[in-house]
N, C-alpha and C. Protein backbone atom coordinates (compact mmCIF):
# COMPACT_ATOMS: atom_id res chain seq x y z
N MET A 1 70.06 109.31 180.21
CA MET A 1 70.56 108.00 179.89
C MET A 1 69.71 107.41 178.78
N VAL A 2 70.31 106.85 177.79
CA VAL A 2 69.63 106.27 176.65
C VAL A 2 69.96 104.79 176.60
N PHE A 3 68.96 103.95 176.34
CA PHE A 3 69.19 102.52 176.20
C PHE A 3 69.23 102.17 174.73
N ARG A 4 70.28 101.53 174.34
CA ARG A 4 70.42 101.11 172.96
C ARG A 4 69.68 99.80 172.76
N ARG A 5 69.52 99.41 171.53
CA ARG A 5 68.78 98.18 171.22
C ARG A 5 69.44 96.94 171.82
N ASP A 6 70.75 96.94 171.88
CA ASP A 6 71.43 95.75 172.41
C ASP A 6 71.46 95.73 173.93
N GLY A 7 70.78 96.71 174.58
CA GLY A 7 70.68 96.70 176.02
C GLY A 7 71.76 97.49 176.73
N GLU A 8 72.75 97.99 176.01
CA GLU A 8 73.80 98.75 176.64
C GLU A 8 73.32 100.17 176.90
N ALA A 9 73.66 100.67 178.04
CA ALA A 9 73.28 102.03 178.39
C ALA A 9 74.33 102.99 177.85
N GLY A 10 73.87 104.10 177.32
CA GLY A 10 74.79 105.11 176.81
C GLY A 10 74.26 106.48 177.21
N THR A 11 75.08 107.47 177.04
CA THR A 11 74.64 108.83 177.35
C THR A 11 74.57 109.62 176.07
N ARG A 12 73.76 110.64 176.09
CA ARG A 12 73.55 111.47 174.92
C ARG A 12 73.84 112.91 175.32
N TYR A 13 74.37 113.70 174.40
CA TYR A 13 74.66 115.10 174.68
C TYR A 13 73.36 115.82 174.99
N GLY A 14 73.33 116.60 176.09
CA GLY A 14 72.17 117.41 176.42
C GLY A 14 71.09 116.64 177.14
N SER A 15 71.40 115.55 177.78
CA SER A 15 70.38 114.79 178.48
C SER A 15 70.32 115.15 179.96
N GLY A 16 70.82 116.33 180.32
CA GLY A 16 70.87 116.75 181.70
C GLY A 16 69.56 117.34 182.18
N THR A 17 69.62 117.87 183.38
CA THR A 17 68.44 118.45 184.02
C THR A 17 67.91 119.66 183.25
N MET A 18 68.82 120.53 182.80
CA MET A 18 68.39 121.73 182.08
C MET A 18 67.66 121.36 180.79
N THR A 19 68.10 120.33 180.12
CA THR A 19 67.44 119.90 178.89
C THR A 19 66.03 119.41 179.19
N ARG A 20 65.87 118.70 180.28
CA ARG A 20 64.52 118.24 180.65
C ARG A 20 63.64 119.40 181.05
N ILE A 21 64.19 120.39 181.75
CA ILE A 21 63.40 121.54 182.18
C ILE A 21 62.96 122.37 180.97
N PHE A 22 63.91 122.64 180.05
CA PHE A 22 63.61 123.49 178.90
C PHE A 22 62.90 122.74 177.77
N GLY A 23 63.00 121.43 177.75
CA GLY A 23 62.40 120.66 176.67
C GLY A 23 63.30 120.58 175.45
N GLY A 24 64.56 120.75 175.64
CA GLY A 24 65.55 120.71 174.57
C GLY A 24 66.79 121.44 175.03
N SER A 25 67.68 121.69 174.10
CA SER A 25 68.89 122.43 174.41
C SER A 25 68.50 123.83 174.88
N PRO A 26 68.98 124.27 176.04
CA PRO A 26 68.58 125.59 176.55
C PRO A 26 68.85 126.73 175.56
N LEU A 27 70.00 126.71 174.90
CA LEU A 27 70.30 127.77 173.94
C LEU A 27 69.34 127.70 172.75
N GLY A 28 69.08 126.50 172.27
CA GLY A 28 68.15 126.34 171.15
C GLY A 28 66.74 126.79 171.51
N VAL A 29 66.31 126.46 172.72
CA VAL A 29 64.97 126.88 173.17
C VAL A 29 64.90 128.39 173.29
N LEU A 30 65.93 129.02 173.85
CA LEU A 30 65.94 130.47 173.99
C LEU A 30 65.92 131.17 172.63
N ILE A 31 66.65 130.62 171.66
CA ILE A 31 66.64 131.21 170.32
C ILE A 31 65.26 131.07 169.69
N ARG A 32 64.64 129.90 169.81
CA ARG A 32 63.29 129.70 169.26
C ARG A 32 62.28 130.62 169.94
N LEU A 33 62.38 130.78 171.27
CA LEU A 33 61.47 131.68 171.99
C LEU A 33 61.66 133.13 171.55
N ALA A 34 62.91 133.55 171.36
CA ALA A 34 63.18 134.92 170.91
C ALA A 34 62.60 135.15 169.53
N LEU A 35 62.77 134.21 168.63
CA LEU A 35 62.21 134.32 167.29
C LEU A 35 60.69 134.36 167.32
N LEU A 36 60.09 133.52 168.14
CA LEU A 36 58.64 133.50 168.27
C LEU A 36 58.13 134.82 168.85
N CYS A 37 58.85 135.40 169.81
CA CYS A 37 58.45 136.69 170.38
C CYS A 37 58.46 137.78 169.32
N VAL A 38 59.47 137.78 168.46
CA VAL A 38 59.55 138.78 167.39
C VAL A 38 58.39 138.61 166.41
N ILE A 39 58.09 137.38 166.04
CA ILE A 39 57.00 137.12 165.09
C ILE A 39 55.66 137.54 165.69
N VAL A 40 55.39 137.15 166.93
CA VAL A 40 54.13 137.52 167.58
C VAL A 40 54.04 139.02 167.76
N GLY A 41 55.15 139.66 168.13
CA GLY A 41 55.17 141.11 168.26
C GLY A 41 54.87 141.80 166.94
N LEU A 42 55.41 141.29 165.85
CA LEU A 42 55.14 141.84 164.51
C LEU A 42 53.66 141.71 164.16
N ILE A 43 53.09 140.55 164.42
CA ILE A 43 51.67 140.33 164.12
C ILE A 43 50.79 141.24 164.96
N LEU A 44 51.08 141.35 166.24
CA LEU A 44 50.28 142.22 167.12
C LEU A 44 50.40 143.68 166.71
N ASP A 45 51.60 144.10 166.28
CA ASP A 45 51.78 145.47 165.83
C ASP A 45 51.00 145.73 164.55
N GLN A 46 50.98 144.78 163.64
CA GLN A 46 50.22 144.94 162.40
C GLN A 46 48.72 144.98 162.67
N LEU A 47 48.29 144.30 163.70
CA LEU A 47 46.87 144.33 164.09
C LEU A 47 46.56 145.52 164.99
N ASP A 48 47.56 146.36 165.23
CA ASP A 48 47.45 147.55 166.07
C ASP A 48 47.00 147.19 167.49
N LEU A 49 47.59 146.11 168.01
CA LEU A 49 47.31 145.68 169.38
C LEU A 49 48.53 145.92 170.25
N ASN A 50 48.28 146.37 171.45
CA ASN A 50 49.34 146.63 172.40
C ASN A 50 49.20 145.59 173.51
N ALA A 51 50.31 145.09 174.00
CA ALA A 51 50.25 144.05 175.04
C ALA A 51 49.54 144.57 176.29
N PHE A 52 49.76 145.83 176.65
CA PHE A 52 49.10 146.38 177.83
C PHE A 52 47.60 146.51 177.61
N GLU A 53 47.20 146.87 176.39
CA GLU A 53 45.77 146.93 176.07
C GLU A 53 45.16 145.53 176.11
N LEU A 54 45.92 144.55 175.65
CA LEU A 54 45.44 143.16 175.69
C LEU A 54 45.24 142.71 177.13
N PHE A 55 46.19 143.01 178.00
CA PHE A 55 46.05 142.64 179.42
C PHE A 55 44.89 143.39 180.07
N ARG A 56 44.74 144.66 179.70
CA ARG A 56 43.63 145.46 180.23
C ARG A 56 42.30 144.88 179.77
N TRP A 57 42.22 144.44 178.50
CA TRP A 57 41.00 143.83 177.98
C TRP A 57 40.67 142.55 178.75
N VAL A 58 41.68 141.72 178.99
CA VAL A 58 41.46 140.47 179.73
C VAL A 58 40.96 140.79 181.14
N ALA A 59 41.56 141.76 181.80
CA ALA A 59 41.14 142.15 183.15
C ALA A 59 39.71 142.67 183.14
N ASP A 60 39.35 143.47 182.13
CA ASP A 60 37.98 143.98 182.02
C ASP A 60 36.98 142.85 181.81
N GLU A 61 37.34 141.89 180.98
CA GLU A 61 36.44 140.76 180.72
C GLU A 61 36.25 139.91 181.99
N ILE A 62 37.30 139.71 182.75
CA ILE A 62 37.19 138.96 184.00
C ILE A 62 36.31 139.73 184.98
N GLU A 63 36.49 141.04 185.04
CA GLU A 63 35.65 141.87 185.91
C GLU A 63 34.18 141.81 185.49
N ASN A 64 33.91 141.87 184.18
CA ASN A 64 32.53 141.75 183.69
C ASN A 64 31.95 140.39 184.03
N LEU A 65 32.74 139.35 183.90
CA LEU A 65 32.28 138.01 184.22
C LEU A 65 31.90 137.90 185.69
N ILE A 66 32.74 138.47 186.56
CA ILE A 66 32.45 138.44 187.99
C ILE A 66 31.20 139.25 188.30
N ARG A 67 31.10 140.43 187.68
CA ARG A 67 29.93 141.28 187.91
C ARG A 67 28.65 140.58 187.43
N ASN A 68 28.69 139.97 186.24
CA ASN A 68 27.52 139.27 185.73
C ASN A 68 27.20 138.04 186.58
N SER A 69 28.23 137.37 187.07
CA SER A 69 28.00 136.21 187.92
C SER A 69 27.33 136.64 189.22
N ALA A 70 27.70 137.79 189.74
CA ALA A 70 27.07 138.28 190.96
C ALA A 70 25.59 138.56 190.72
N ASP A 71 25.27 139.13 189.55
CA ASP A 71 23.86 139.36 189.22
C ASP A 71 23.09 138.05 189.11
N VAL A 72 23.70 137.05 188.49
CA VAL A 72 23.05 135.74 188.35
C VAL A 72 22.85 135.11 189.72
N LEU A 73 23.86 135.19 190.57
CA LEU A 73 23.73 134.62 191.92
C LEU A 73 22.66 135.36 192.72
N ARG A 74 22.56 136.66 192.54
CA ARG A 74 21.53 137.44 193.22
C ARG A 74 20.13 136.98 192.77
N LEU A 75 19.96 136.75 191.46
CA LEU A 75 18.67 136.27 190.97
C LEU A 75 18.35 134.87 191.49
N ILE A 76 19.35 133.99 191.48
CA ILE A 76 19.14 132.63 191.99
C ILE A 76 18.77 132.69 193.46
N GLY A 77 19.44 133.54 194.23
CA GLY A 77 19.11 133.68 195.65
C GLY A 77 17.68 134.18 195.84
N ARG A 78 17.27 135.13 195.01
CA ARG A 78 15.89 135.65 195.08
C ARG A 78 14.89 134.54 194.78
N TYR A 79 15.13 133.78 193.72
CA TYR A 79 14.23 132.68 193.37
C TYR A 79 14.20 131.63 194.46
N PHE A 80 15.36 131.37 195.08
CA PHE A 80 15.43 130.40 196.17
C PHE A 80 14.55 130.84 197.34
N LEU A 81 14.64 132.10 197.72
CA LEU A 81 13.85 132.59 198.85
C LEU A 81 12.35 132.57 198.55
N ILE A 82 11.98 132.96 197.32
CA ILE A 82 10.56 132.92 196.94
C ILE A 82 10.06 131.48 196.97
N GLY A 83 10.84 130.56 196.42
CA GLY A 83 10.43 129.15 196.42
C GLY A 83 10.40 128.56 197.82
N ALA A 84 11.38 128.95 198.65
CA ALA A 84 11.43 128.42 200.02
C ALA A 84 10.24 128.89 200.83
N ALA A 85 9.71 130.08 200.52
CA ALA A 85 8.54 130.57 201.25
C ALA A 85 7.33 129.68 201.01
N VAL A 86 7.30 128.95 199.91
CA VAL A 86 6.19 128.04 199.62
C VAL A 86 6.55 126.59 199.98
N VAL A 87 7.75 126.16 199.60
CA VAL A 87 8.13 124.75 199.74
C VAL A 87 8.32 124.35 201.20
N ILE A 88 8.99 125.14 202.00
CA ILE A 88 9.29 124.77 203.38
C ILE A 88 8.02 124.60 204.22
N PRO A 89 7.07 125.53 204.17
CA PRO A 89 5.84 125.29 204.94
C PRO A 89 5.07 124.04 204.49
N ILE A 90 5.04 123.80 203.16
CA ILE A 90 4.37 122.58 202.67
C ILE A 90 5.11 121.35 203.16
N TRP A 91 6.41 121.37 203.16
CA TRP A 91 7.20 120.22 203.63
C TRP A 91 6.95 119.99 205.12
N ILE A 92 6.88 121.06 205.90
CA ILE A 92 6.62 120.92 207.33
C ILE A 92 5.24 120.30 207.56
N VAL A 93 4.25 120.78 206.83
CA VAL A 93 2.89 120.23 206.97
C VAL A 93 2.87 118.77 206.59
N MET A 94 3.54 118.39 205.51
CA MET A 94 3.59 116.98 205.08
C MET A 94 4.27 116.10 206.14
N ARG A 95 5.34 116.61 206.74
CA ARG A 95 6.03 115.85 207.79
C ARG A 95 5.13 115.65 209.01
N VAL A 96 4.42 116.71 209.36
CA VAL A 96 3.50 116.61 210.52
C VAL A 96 2.41 115.61 210.19
N LEU A 97 1.85 115.66 209.00
CA LEU A 97 0.78 114.72 208.62
C LEU A 97 1.28 113.30 208.57
N ASN A 98 2.51 113.07 208.11
CA ASN A 98 3.08 111.73 208.05
C ASN A 98 3.31 111.17 209.44
N VAL A 99 3.78 112.00 210.36
CA VAL A 99 4.00 111.55 211.73
C VAL A 99 2.66 111.19 212.38
N GLY A 100 1.64 112.02 212.15
CA GLY A 100 0.32 111.75 212.72
C GLY A 100 -0.34 110.53 212.07
N GLY A 101 -0.06 110.27 210.81
CA GLY A 101 -0.66 109.14 210.10
C GLY A 101 -0.04 107.80 210.48
N ARG A 102 1.16 107.78 210.99
CA ARG A 102 1.84 106.53 211.35
C ARG A 102 1.31 105.99 212.67
N ARG A 103 0.74 106.82 213.53
CA ARG A 103 0.31 106.37 214.85
C ARG A 103 -0.96 105.64 214.79
């Protein structure tokens, strides 16, 4: 539904649900998408890239990220345990001394 300047409501061709879903005329959107697919396919072919290789590369990079994150988390855990071996006993001693000092 479109509102005109004089306040009268009017309808416009293609203002249905499909137009809102596709972001324009469904046929026009499909034609633009098909043309864009051909252009991107041409560029990827000229760069000697294959879509399956691209997906494989993305999967490998995600796997490397997870593997490296696991190494980082392992190091952080190690540092935490080393620090806790010193900090926790000192904290316990300070708490005991504070309780004894208040009496």
